[in-house]
Amino acid sequence: MSYAKQDTAIRTGRAVRIIIYLVLLLFALFYLLPLYVMLVNSVKPLHEITGGGMMNLPSGFTLEPWVKAWKSAQIGVEPTGLSPYFVNSIKMVVPAVVISTILGALNGYVLTKWQFKYHKIVFGLMLFACFIPFQIVLIPMAKMLGLLGIAGSTSGLALVHIVYGLGFTTLYFRNYYAVFPTELVRAAQIDGAGFFKIFWRILLPSSGPIAVVSIIWQFTNIWNDFLFGASFADANSQPMTVALNNLVQASHGVKEYNVHFAGAILAALPTLLVYVVAGRYFVRGLMAGSVKG
């Protein structure tokens, strides 16, 4: 009798797992449906989409929408196509991610290993900065960029994202360094190591997991940002997201949905690749940060 009950329990457990997997598969398919629509329609001729076959596989495969979405062509005042703006996004993202990550690591180092009298208040204010909506800082940030003489440039956009992302990177590194052995820092001080030598030789080499989290987080937020790009960039420094909006709006009379789908995929491809390549390290870094925090 006990063997029969055990066998029944095993079968029931398998049936439950199968049902759970099927439900999760349905949710995954539903979640990936927009991506399917974008991919399929980005390689169709326009007449297949306008004819009501948006969900159908393409009968005539073409890469012309991708070429048109990427290639720059002068129409009116501004060029269409995303290729010139891809370079703008790279010029904005790379320095913003690198500088904000390094400054966040330094802040976390100071707030945990070189604590001063009001370090908790300073950390609280930086943490509060993480919750400030984008819209609140538009006018003061525009004023500051004008005073610095970098308004309407990729350098100005990079500075905006460095300042806005500093609260997040500081939070990550501060929590990661919170339980890092202080004895190692004290021993290095006794041996004559200074502030920066301790940081570069001891703390930074052990910061790989949380640095990956900071880099991926910043890269994703900065690359996908639209509001700052639309507010602070001029026609020559617009990032990919603003250019994608312009590409859609530039259609004169006829909406080229296949080109729009291709452009959207091109704009999202860098962040997708980052998560595909380094997604597992992102999860590991978050887990490491949560344990150390």
C-alpha atoms as a PDB file:
ATOM      1  CA  MET A   1       0.000   0.000   0.000  1.00  0.00           C
ATOM      2  CA  SER A   2       2.812   2.373   0.828  1.00  0.00           C
ATOM      3  CA  TYR A   3       4.449   1.688  -2.542  1.00  0.00           C
ATOM      4  CA  ALA A   4       1.165   2.455  -4.310  1.00  0.00           C
ATOM      5  CA  LYS A   5       0.820   5.746  -2.435  1.00  0.00           C
ATOM      6  CA  GLN A   6       4.413   6.641  -3.200  1.00  0.00           C
ATOM      7  CA  ASP A   7       3.912   5.886  -6.901  1.00  0.00           C
ATOM      8  CA  THR A   8       0.724   7.976  -6.928  1.00  0.00           C
ATOM      9  CA  ALA A   9       2.538  10.866  -5.262  1.00  0.00           C
ATOM     10  CA  ILE A  10       5.352  10.699  -7.842  1.00  0.00           C
ATOM     11  CA  ARG A  11       2.859  10.701 -10.729  1.00  0.00           C
ATOM     12  CA  THR A  12       0.951  13.581  -9.185  1.00  0.00           C
ATOM     13  CA  GLY A  13       4.158  15.567  -8.758  1.00  0.00           C
ATOM     14  CA  ARG A  14       5.100  14.974 -12.393  1.00  0.00           C
ATOM     15  CA  ALA A  15       1.646  16.030 -13.570  1.00  0.00           C
ATOM     16  CA  VAL A  16       1.835  19.211 -11.505  1.00  0.00           C
ATOM     17  CA  ARG A  17       5.287  20.040 -12.910  1.00  0.00           C
ATOM     18  CA  ILE A  18       4.082  19.460 -16.465  1.00  0.00           C
ATOM     19  CA  ILE A  19       1.115  21.778 -15.902  1.00  0.00           C
ATOM     20  CA  ILE A  20       3.370  24.438 -14.402  1.00  0.00           C
ATOM     21  CA  TYR A  21       5.793  24.187 -17.335  1.00  0.00           C
ATOM     22  CA  LEU A  22       2.943  24.439 -19.835  1.00  0.00           C
ATOM     23  CA  VAL A  23       1.560  27.539 -18.110  1.00  0.00           C
ATOM     24  CA  LEU A  24       5.017  29.127 -18.031  1.00  0.00           C
ATOM     25  CA  LEU A  25       5.493  28.272 -21.706  1.00  0.00           C
ATOM     26  CA  LEU A  26       2.199  29.979 -22.568  1.00  0.00           C
ATOM     27  CA  PHE A  27       3.236  33.084 -20.638  1.00  0.00           C
ATOM     28  CA  ALA A  28       6.637  33.067 -22.394  1.00  0.00           C
ATOM     29  CA  LEU A  29       4.998  32.785 -25.821  1.00  0.00           C
ATOM     30  CA  PHE A  30       2.599  35.595 -24.963  1.00  0.00           C
ATOM     31  CA  TYR A  31       5.481  37.755 -23.752  1.00  0.00           C
ATOM     32  CA  LEU A  32       7.548  37.047 -26.900  1.00  0.00           C
ATOM     33  CA  LEU A  33       4.643  37.647 -29.278  1.00  0.00           C
ATOM     34  CA  PRO A  34       5.525  41.347 -29.872  1.00  0.00           C
ATOM     35  CA  LEU A  35       9.097  40.351 -30.710  1.00  0.00           C
ATOM     36  CA  TYR A  36       7.771  37.791 -33.206  1.00  0.00           C
ATOM     37  CA  VAL A  37       5.571  40.436 -34.831  1.00  0.00           C
ATOM     38  CA  MET A  38       8.494  42.852 -35.100  1.00  0.00           C
ATOM     39  CA  LEU A  39      10.906  40.293 -36.545  1.00  0.00           C
ATOM     40  CA  VAL A  40       8.448  38.828 -39.047  1.00  0.00           C
ATOM     41  CA  ASN A  41       7.184  42.165 -40.319  1.00  0.00           C
ATOM     42  CA  SER A  42      10.651  43.690 -40.556  1.00  0.00           C
ATOM     43  CA  VAL A  43      11.508  41.290 -43.405  1.00  0.00           C
ATOM     44  CA  LYS A  44       8.214  41.628 -45.318  1.00  0.00           C
ATOM     45  CA  PRO A  45       7.366  43.899 -48.229  1.00  0.00           C
ATOM     46  CA  LEU A  46       5.021  46.653 -47.127  1.00  0.00           C
ATOM     47  CA  HIS A  47       2.055  45.374 -49.153  1.00  0.00           C
ATOM     48  CA  GLU A  48       2.007  42.127 -47.139  1.00  0.00           C
ATOM     49  CA  ILE A  49       1.592  44.088 -43.895  1.00  0.00           C
ATOM     50  CA  THR A  50      -1.013  46.534 -45.153  1.00  0.00           C
ATOM     51  CA  GLY A  51      -2.930  43.626 -46.677  1.00  0.00           C
ATOM     52  CA  GLY A  52      -3.794  42.372 -43.197  1.00  0.00           C
ATOM     53  CA  GLY A  53      -1.167  39.647 -42.846  1.00  0.00           C
ATOM     54  CA  MET A  54       0.747  41.027 -39.891  1.00  0.00           C
ATOM     55  CA  MET A  55       0.852  37.681 -38.045  1.00  0.00           C
ATOM     56  CA  ASN A  56       1.702  35.598 -41.115  1.00  0.00           C
ATOM     57  CA  LEU A  57       5.167  34.491 -42.097  1.00  0.00           C
ATOM     58  CA  PRO A  58       6.636  36.469 -45.005  1.00  0.00           C
ATOM     59  CA  SER A  59       5.953  35.101 -48.471  1.00  0.00           C
ATOM     60  CA  GLY A  60       8.549  37.427 -49.924  1.00  0.00           C
ATOM     61  CA  PHE A  61      11.655  37.753 -47.726  1.00  0.00           C
ATOM     62  CA  THR A  62      13.502  41.078 -48.017  1.00  0.00           C
ATOM     63  CA  LEU A  63      16.149  42.978 -46.051  1.00  0.00           C
ATOM     64  CA  GLU A  64      15.337  46.280 -47.701  1.00  0.00           C
ATOM     65  CA  PRO A  65      13.489  47.616 -44.587  1.00  0.00           C
ATOM     66  CA  TRP A  66      16.617  46.974 -42.491  1.00  0.00           C
ATOM     67  CA  VAL A  67      18.835  48.741 -45.011  1.00  0.00           C
ATOM     68  CA  LYS A  68      16.445  51.674 -45.235  1.00  0.00           C
ATOM     69  CA  ALA A  69      16.134  51.942 -41.444  1.00  0.00           C
ATOM     70  CA  TRP A  70      19.910  51.942 -41.006  1.00  0.00           C
ATOM     71  CA  LYS A  71      21.134  53.855 -44.036  1.00  0.00           C
ATOM     72  CA  SER A  72      21.216  57.625 -43.805  1.00  0.00           C
ATOM     73  CA  ALA A  73      19.480  59.680 -46.453  1.00  0.00           C
ATOM     74  CA  GLN A  74      18.916  63.429 -46.440  1.00  0.00           C
ATOM     75  CA  ILE A  75      15.206  64.326 -46.498  1.00  0.00           C
ATOM     76  CA  GLY A  76      14.443  67.932 -45.612  1.00  0.00           C
ATOM     77  CA  VAL A  77      16.531  69.366 -42.796  1.00  0.00           C
ATOM     78  CA  GLU A  78      17.460  66.206 -40.873  1.00  0.00           C
ATOM     79  CA  PRO A  79      18.794  62.888 -42.180  1.00  0.00           C
ATOM     80  CA  THR A  80      16.665  59.780 -41.915  1.00  0.00           C
ATOM     81  CA  GLY A  81      18.118  56.430 -40.959  1.00  0.00           C
ATOM     82  CA  LEU A  82      19.736  55.415 -37.683  1.00  0.00           C
ATOM     83  CA  SER A  83      23.395  55.038 -38.612  1.00  0.00           C
ATOM     84  CA  PRO A  84      24.523  58.615 -37.717  1.00  0.00           C
ATOM     85  CA  TYR A  85      22.748  58.442 -34.375  1.00  0.00           C
ATOM     86  CA  PHE A  86      24.216  55.077 -33.432  1.00  0.00           C
ATOM     87  CA  VAL A  87      27.592  56.799 -33.164  1.00  0.00           C
ATOM     88  CA  ASN A  88      26.015  59.529 -31.009  1.00  0.00           C
ATOM     89  CA  SER A  89      24.640  56.909 -28.625  1.00  0.00           C
ATOM     90  CA  ILE A  90      28.034  55.211 -28.366  1.00  0.00           C
ATOM     91  CA  LYS A  91      29.734  58.556 -27.652  1.00  0.00           C
ATOM     92  CA  MET A  92      27.163  59.212 -24.931  1.00  0.00           C
ATOM     93  CA  VAL A  93      26.879  55.749 -23.367  1.00  0.00           C
ATOM     94  CA  VAL A  94      30.510  54.652 -23.083  1.00  0.00           C
ATOM     95  CA  PRO A  95      31.906  57.607 -21.077  1.00  0.00           C
ATOM     96  CA  ALA A  96      28.722  57.896 -18.999  1.00  0.00           C
ATOM     97  CA  VAL A  97      28.819  54.224 -17.999  1.00  0.00           C
ATOM     98  CA  VAL A  98      32.553  54.154 -17.292  1.00  0.00           C
ATOM     99  CA  ILE A  99      32.697  57.400 -15.314  1.00  0.00           C
ATOM    100  CA  SER A 100      29.532  56.780 -13.281  1.00  0.00           C
ATOM    101  CA  THR A 101      30.713  53.263 -12.405  1.00  0.00           C
ATOM    102  CA  ILE A 102      34.154  54.436 -11.275  1.00  0.00           C
ATOM    103  CA  LEU A 103      32.704  57.342  -9.267  1.00  0.00           C
ATOM    104  CA  GLY A 104      30.120  55.009  -7.709  1.00  0.00           C
ATOM    105  CA  ALA A 105      32.898  52.622  -6.688  1.00  0.00           C
ATOM    106  CA  LEU A 106      34.861  55.473  -5.126  1.00  0.00           C
ATOM    107  CA  ASN A 107      31.780  56.698  -3.273  1.00  0.00           C
ATOM    108  CA  GLY A 108      31.038  53.217  -1.978  1.00  0.00           C
ATOM    109  CA  TYR A 109      34.658  52.895  -0.885  1.00  0.00           C
ATOM    110  CA  VAL A 110      34.587  56.200   1.010  1.00  0.00           C
ATOM    111  CA  LEU A 111      31.191  55.577   2.611  1.00  0.00           C
ATOM    112  CA  THR A 112      32.269  52.189   3.990  1.00  0.00           C
ATOM    113  CA  LYS A 113      36.029  52.278   4.610  1.00  0.00           C
ATOM    114  CA  TRP A 114      36.789  55.991   5.074  1.00  0.00           C
ATOM    115  CA  GLN A 115      33.694  57.033   6.960  1.00  0.00           C
ATOM    116  CA  PHE A 116      33.346  60.612   8.123  1.00  0.00           C
ATOM    117  CA  LYS A 117      30.975  62.256  10.590  1.00  0.00           C
ATOM    118  CA  TYR A 118      27.907  62.680   8.403  1.00  0.00           C
ATOM    119  CA  HIS A 119      28.453  59.786   6.017  1.00  0.00           C
ATOM    120  CA  LYS A 120      24.973  58.339   6.683  1.00  0.00           C
ATOM    121  CA  ILE A 121      23.311  61.634   5.790  1.00  0.00           C
ATOM    122  CA  VAL A 122      25.346  61.901   2.591  1.00  0.00           C
ATOM    123  CA  PHE A 123      24.441  58.342   1.618  1.00  0.00           C
ATOM    124  CA  GLY A 124      20.789  59.034   2.401  1.00  0.00           C
ATOM    125  CA  LEU A 125      20.786  62.073   0.137  1.00  0.00           C
ATOM    126  CA  MET A 126      22.413  60.107  -2.685  1.00  0.00           C
ATOM    127  CA  LEU A 127      19.892  57.324  -2.175  1.00  0.00           C
ATOM    128  CA  PHE A 128      17.101  59.886  -2.347  1.00  0.00           C
ATOM    129  CA  ALA A 129      18.452  60.963  -5.732  1.00  0.00           C
ATOM    130  CA  CYS A 130      17.515  57.535  -7.100  1.00  0.00           C
ATOM    131  CA  PHE A 131      13.834  58.364  -6.638  1.00  0.00           C
ATOM    132  CA  ILE A 132      13.807  61.819  -8.228  1.00  0.00           C
ATOM    133  CA  PRO A 133      11.673  61.757 -11.405  1.00  0.00           C
ATOM    134  CA  PHE A 134      13.348  62.756 -14.665  1.00  0.00           C
ATOM    135  CA  GLN A 135      10.925  65.623 -15.239  1.00  0.00           C
ATOM    136  CA  ILE A 136      11.980  67.491 -12.090  1.00  0.00           C
ATOM    137  CA  VAL A 137      15.583  67.952 -13.204  1.00  0.00           C
ATOM    138  CA  LEU A 138      14.923  69.060 -16.799  1.00  0.00           C
ATOM    139  CA  ILE A 139      14.929  72.830 -16.232  1.00  0.00           C
ATOM    140  CA  PRO A 140      17.831  73.058 -13.734  1.00  0.00           C
ATOM    141  CA  MET A 141      19.866  70.598 -15.802  1.00  0.00           C
ATOM    142  CA  ALA A 142      19.255  72.628 -18.980  1.00  0.00           C
ATOM    143  CA  LYS A 143      20.410  75.739 -17.105  1.00  0.00           C
ATOM    144  CA  MET A 144      23.585  74.033 -15.917  1.00  0.00           C
ATOM    145  CA  LEU A 145      24.408  72.660 -19.366  1.00  0.00           C
ATOM    146  CA  GLY A 146      24.006  76.156 -20.775  1.00  0.00           C
ATOM    147  CA  LEU A 147      26.319  77.615 -18.151  1.00  0.00           C
ATOM    148  CA  LEU A 148      28.928  74.929 -18.884  1.00  0.00           C
ATOM    149  CA  GLY A 149      28.638  75.523 -22.626  1.00  0.00           C
ATOM    150  CA  ILE A 150      27.848  71.898 -23.488  1.00  0.00           C
ATOM    151  CA  ALA A 151      24.119  72.169 -24.212  1.00  0.00           C
ATOM    152  CA  GLY A 152      22.994  70.289 -27.305  1.00  0.00           C
ATOM    153  CA  SER A 153      26.013  67.966 -27.371  1.00  0.00           C
ATOM    154  CA  THR A 154      26.791  64.327 -26.644  1.00  0.00           C
ATOM    155  CA  SER A 155      29.130  65.508 -23.871  1.00  0.00           C
ATOM    156  CA  GLY A 156      26.217  67.271 -22.200  1.00  0.00           C
ATOM    157  CA  LEU A 157      24.046  64.159 -22.457  1.00  0.00           C
ATOM    158  CA  ALA A 158      26.845  62.042 -20.990  1.00  0.00           C
ATOM    159  CA  LEU A 159      27.166  64.457 -18.053  1.00  0.00           C
ATOM    160  CA  VAL A 160      23.408  64.307 -17.426  1.00  0.00           C
ATOM    161  CA  HIS A 161      23.465  60.514 -17.240  1.00  0.00           C
ATOM    162  CA  ILE A 162      26.571  60.478 -15.073  1.00  0.00           C
ATOM    163  CA  VAL A 163      24.919  62.760 -12.529  1.00  0.00           C
ATOM    164  CA  TYR A 164      21.582  60.971 -12.611  1.00  0.00           C
ATOM    165  CA  GLY A 165      23.114  57.488 -12.410  1.00  0.00           C
ATOM    166  CA  LEU A 166      25.558  58.272  -9.617  1.00  0.00           C
ATOM    167  CA  GLY A 167      23.006  57.518  -6.908  1.00  0.00           C
ATOM    168  CA  PHE A 168      22.417  54.002  -8.259  1.00  0.00           C
ATOM    169  CA  THR A 169      26.076  53.118  -8.737  1.00  0.00           C
ATOM    170  CA  THR A 170      26.915  54.439  -5.271  1.00  0.00           C
ATOM    171  CA  LEU A 171      24.136  52.303  -3.781  1.00  0.00           C
ATOM    172  CA  TYR A 172      25.426  49.161  -5.502  1.00  0.00           C
ATOM    173  CA  PHE A 173      29.058  49.587  -4.497  1.00  0.00           C
ATOM    174  CA  ARG A 174      28.301  50.836  -1.001  1.00  0.00           C
ATOM    175  CA  ASN A 175      26.243  47.715  -0.247  1.00  0.00           C
ATOM    176  CA  TYR A 176      28.874  45.490  -1.828  1.00  0.00           C
ATOM    177  CA  TYR A 177      31.740  47.020   0.154  1.00  0.00           C
ATOM    178  CA  ALA A 178      29.771  47.158   3.419  1.00  0.00           C
ATOM    179  CA  VAL A 179      31.056  43.812   4.731  1.00  0.00           C
ATOM    180  CA  PHE A 180      34.338  43.753   2.848  1.00  0.00           C
ATOM    181  CA  PRO A 181      37.003  42.946   5.499  1.00  0.00           C
ATOM    182  CA  THR A 182      38.035  46.280   6.949  1.00  0.00           C
ATOM    183  CA  GLU A 183      41.092  44.558   8.420  1.00  0.00           C
ATOM    184  CA  LEU A 184      42.592  44.315   4.935  1.00  0.00           C
ATOM    185  CA  VAL A 185      42.241  48.064   4.512  1.00  0.00           C
ATOM    186  CA  ARG A 186      43.772  48.757   7.915  1.00  0.00           C
ATOM    187  CA  ALA A 187      46.653  46.359   7.212  1.00  0.00           C
ATOM    188  CA  ALA A 188      47.325  48.106   3.905  1.00  0.00           C
ATOM    189  CA  GLN A 189      47.350  51.468   5.706  1.00  0.00           C
ATOM    190  CA  ILE A 190      49.882  50.150   8.195  1.00  0.00           C
ATOM    191  CA  ASP A 191      52.054  49.007   5.277  1.00  0.00           C
ATOM    192  CA  GLY A 192      51.990  52.548   3.935  1.00  0.00           C
ATOM    193  CA  ALA A 193      49.339  52.243   1.211  1.00  0.00           C
ATOM    194  CA  GLY A 194      47.376  55.402   0.554  1.00  0.00           C
ATOM    195  CA  PHE A 195      43.759  56.066  -0.351  1.00  0.00           C
ATOM    196  CA  PHE A 196      43.935  55.356  -4.082  1.00  0.00           C
ATOM    197  CA  LYS A 197      46.440  52.516  -3.825  1.00  0.00           C
ATOM    198  CA  ILE A 198      44.119  50.621  -1.469  1.00  0.00           C
ATOM    199  CA  PHE A 199      41.228  51.231  -3.821  1.00  0.00           C
ATOM    200  CA  TRP A 200      43.010  50.119  -7.014  1.00  0.00           C
ATOM    201  CA  ARG A 201      44.959  47.221  -5.509  1.00  0.00           C
ATOM    202  CA  ILE A 202      42.531  45.753  -2.967  1.00  0.00           C
ATOM    203  CA  LEU A 203      38.894  46.757  -3.417  1.00  0.00           C
ATOM    204  CA  LEU A 204      38.550  47.252  -7.166  1.00  0.00           C
ATOM    205  CA  PRO A 205      39.976  43.838  -8.184  1.00  0.00           C
ATOM    206  CA  SER A 206      37.325  42.151  -6.023  1.00  0.00           C
ATOM    207  CA  SER A 207      34.466  44.252  -7.412  1.00  0.00           C
ATOM    208  CA  GLY A 208      33.852  42.342 -10.630  1.00  0.00           C
ATOM    209  CA  PRO A 209      30.312  41.066  -9.870  1.00  0.00           C
ATOM    210  CA  ILE A 210      28.913  44.398  -8.712  1.00  0.00           C
ATOM    211  CA  ALA A 211      30.741  46.286 -11.473  1.00  0.00           C
ATOM    212  CA  VAL A 212      28.928  44.120 -14.034  1.00  0.00           C
ATOM    213  CA  VAL A 213      25.607  44.995 -12.374  1.00  0.00           C
ATOM    214  CA  SER A 214      26.423  48.700 -12.451  1.00  0.00           C
ATOM    215  CA  ILE A 215      27.586  48.614 -16.069  1.00  0.00           C
ATOM    216  CA  ILE A 216      24.559  46.691 -17.354  1.00  0.00           C
ATOM    217  CA  TRP A 217      22.125  48.826 -15.361  1.00  0.00           C
ATOM    218  CA  GLN A 218      23.641  52.078 -16.545  1.00  0.00           C
ATOM    219  CA  PHE A 219      24.057  50.922 -20.126  1.00  0.00           C
ATOM    220  CA  THR A 220      20.422  49.834 -20.347  1.00  0.00           C
ATOM    221  CA  ASN A 221      19.010  52.997 -18.795  1.00  0.00           C
ATOM    222  CA  ILE A 222      21.190  55.359 -20.804  1.00  0.00           C
ATOM    223  CA  TRP A 223      20.774  53.617 -24.149  1.00  0.00           C
ATOM    224  CA  ASN A 224      16.979  53.385 -23.783  1.00  0.00           C
ATOM    225  CA  ASP A 225      16.532  56.936 -22.516  1.00  0.00           C
ATOM    226  CA  PHE A 226      14.314  59.168 -24.610  1.00  0.00           C
ATOM    227  CA  LEU A 227      13.389  62.121 -22.395  1.00  0.00           C
ATOM    228  CA  PHE A 228      16.908  63.444 -21.775  1.00  0.00           C
ATOM    229  CA  GLY A 229      17.874  62.877 -25.391  1.00  0.00           C
ATOM    230  CA  ALA A 230      14.825  64.737 -26.675  1.00  0.00           C
ATOM    231  CA  SER A 231      15.302  67.565 -24.144  1.00  0.00           C
ATOM    232  CA  PHE A 232      19.054  68.228 -24.249  1.00  0.00           C
ATOM    233  CA  ALA A 233      20.249  67.099 -27.696  1.00  0.00           C
ATOM    234  CA  ASP A 234      20.244  69.043 -30.936  1.00  0.00           C
ATOM    235  CA  ALA A 235      19.852  67.634 -34.458  1.00  0.00           C
ATOM    236  CA  ASN A 236      23.498  66.538 -34.611  1.00  0.00           C
ATOM    237  CA  SER A 237      23.729  64.881 -31.181  1.00  0.00           C
ATOM    238  CA  GLN A 238      20.453  62.971 -30.923  1.00  0.00           C
ATOM    239  CA  PRO A 239      20.716  59.392 -29.632  1.00  0.00           C
ATOM    240  CA  MET A 240      19.156  56.309 -31.214  1.00  0.00           C
ATOM    241  CA  THR A 241      15.851  56.511 -29.343  1.00  0.00           C
ATOM    242  CA  VAL A 242      15.131  60.043 -30.520  1.00  0.00           C
ATOM    243  CA  ALA A 243      16.237  59.138 -34.048  1.00  0.00           C
ATOM    244  CA  LEU A 244      13.830  56.191 -34.035  1.00  0.00           C
ATOM    245  CA  ASN A 245      10.971  58.515 -33.169  1.00  0.00           C
ATOM    246  CA  ASN A 246      12.043  60.840 -35.969  1.00  0.00           C
ATOM    247  CA  LEU A 247      12.207  57.900 -38.360  1.00  0.00           C
ATOM    248  CA  VAL A 248       8.589  57.032 -37.605  1.00  0.00           C
ATOM    249  CA  GLN A 249       7.451  60.645 -37.873  1.00  0.00           C
ATOM    250  CA  ALA A 250       9.374  61.201 -41.113  1.00  0.00           C
ATOM    251  CA  SER A 251       6.966  59.012 -43.111  1.00  0.00           C
ATOM    252  CA  HIS A 252       5.257  61.345 -45.571  1.00  0.00           C
ATOM    253  CA  GLY A 253       1.768  59.994 -46.239  1.00  0.00           C
ATOM    254  CA  VAL A 254       2.676  56.274 -46.263  1.00  0.00           C
ATOM    255  CA  LYS A 255       3.551  54.540 -43.000  1.00  0.00           C
ATOM    256  CA  GLU A 256       6.403  52.144 -43.712  1.00  0.00           C
ATOM    257  CA  TYR A 257       5.704  49.722 -40.894  1.00  0.00           C
ATOM    258  CA  ASN A 258       8.358  47.258 -41.996  1.00  0.00           C
ATOM    259  CA  VAL A 259      11.002  49.984 -41.785  1.00  0.00           C
ATOM    260  CA  HIS A 260       9.694  51.053 -38.382  1.00  0.00           C
ATOM    261  CA  PHE A 261       9.860  47.483 -37.057  1.00  0.00           C
ATOM    262  CA  ALA A 262      13.411  47.081 -38.367  1.00  0.00           C
ATOM    263  CA  GLY A 263      14.435  50.393 -36.813  1.00  0.00           C
ATOM    264  CA  ALA A 264      12.963  49.427 -33.436  1.00  0.00           C
ATOM    265  CA  ILE A 265      14.903  46.166 -33.452  1.00  0.00           C
ATOM    266  CA  LEU A 266      18.118  47.959 -34.415  1.00  0.00           C
ATOM    267  CA  ALA A 267      17.628  50.439 -31.569  1.00  0.00           C
ATOM    268  CA  ALA A 268      16.989  47.660 -29.038  1.00  0.00           C
ATOM    269  CA  LEU A 269      19.680  45.272 -30.301  1.00  0.00           C
ATOM    270  CA  PRO A 270      22.636  46.572 -28.203  1.00  0.00           C
ATOM    271  CA  THR A 271      20.811  46.178 -24.886  1.00  0.00           C
ATOM    272  CA  LEU A 272      19.499  42.781 -25.978  1.00  0.00           C
ATOM    273  CA  LEU A 273      23.016  41.627 -26.803  1.00  0.00           C
ATOM    274  CA  VAL A 274      24.321  42.913 -23.478  1.00  0.00           C
ATOM    275  CA  TYR A 275      21.754  40.886 -21.549  1.00  0.00           C
ATOM    276  CA  VAL A 276      22.300  37.779 -23.694  1.00  0.00           C
ATOM    277  CA  VAL A 277      26.065  37.911 -23.234  1.00  0.00           C
ATOM    278  CA  ALA A 278      26.270  39.103 -19.606  1.00  0.00           C
ATOM    279  CA  GLY A 279      22.808  38.376 -18.186  1.00  0.00           C
ATOM    280  CA  ARG A 280      23.974  35.535 -15.959  1.00  0.00           C
ATOM    281  CA  TYR A 281      26.720  37.747 -14.507  1.00  0.00           C
ATOM    282  CA  PHE A 282      24.099  40.417 -13.829  1.00  0.00           C
ATOM    283  CA  VAL A 283      22.074  37.964 -11.734  1.00  0.00           C
ATOM    284  CA  ARG A 284      25.191  36.757  -9.921  1.00  0.00           C
ATOM    285  CA  GLY A 285      26.201  40.321  -9.161  1.00  0.00           C
ATOM    286  CA  LEU A 286      22.771  41.149  -7.790  1.00  0.00           C
ATOM    287  CA  MET A 287      22.869  38.087  -5.560  1.00  0.00           C
ATOM    288  CA  ALA A 288      26.358  38.958  -4.354  1.00  0.00           C
ATOM    289  CA  GLY A 289      25.278  42.521  -3.630  1.00  0.00           C
ATOM    290  CA  SER A 290      22.190  41.380  -1.754  1.00  0.00           C
ATOM    291  CA  VAL A 291      24.210  39.025   0.429  1.00  0.00           C
ATOM    292  CA  LYS A 292      26.854  41.627   1.156  1.00  0.00           C
ATOM    293  CA  GLY A 293      24.272  44.360   1.725  1.00  0.00           C
END
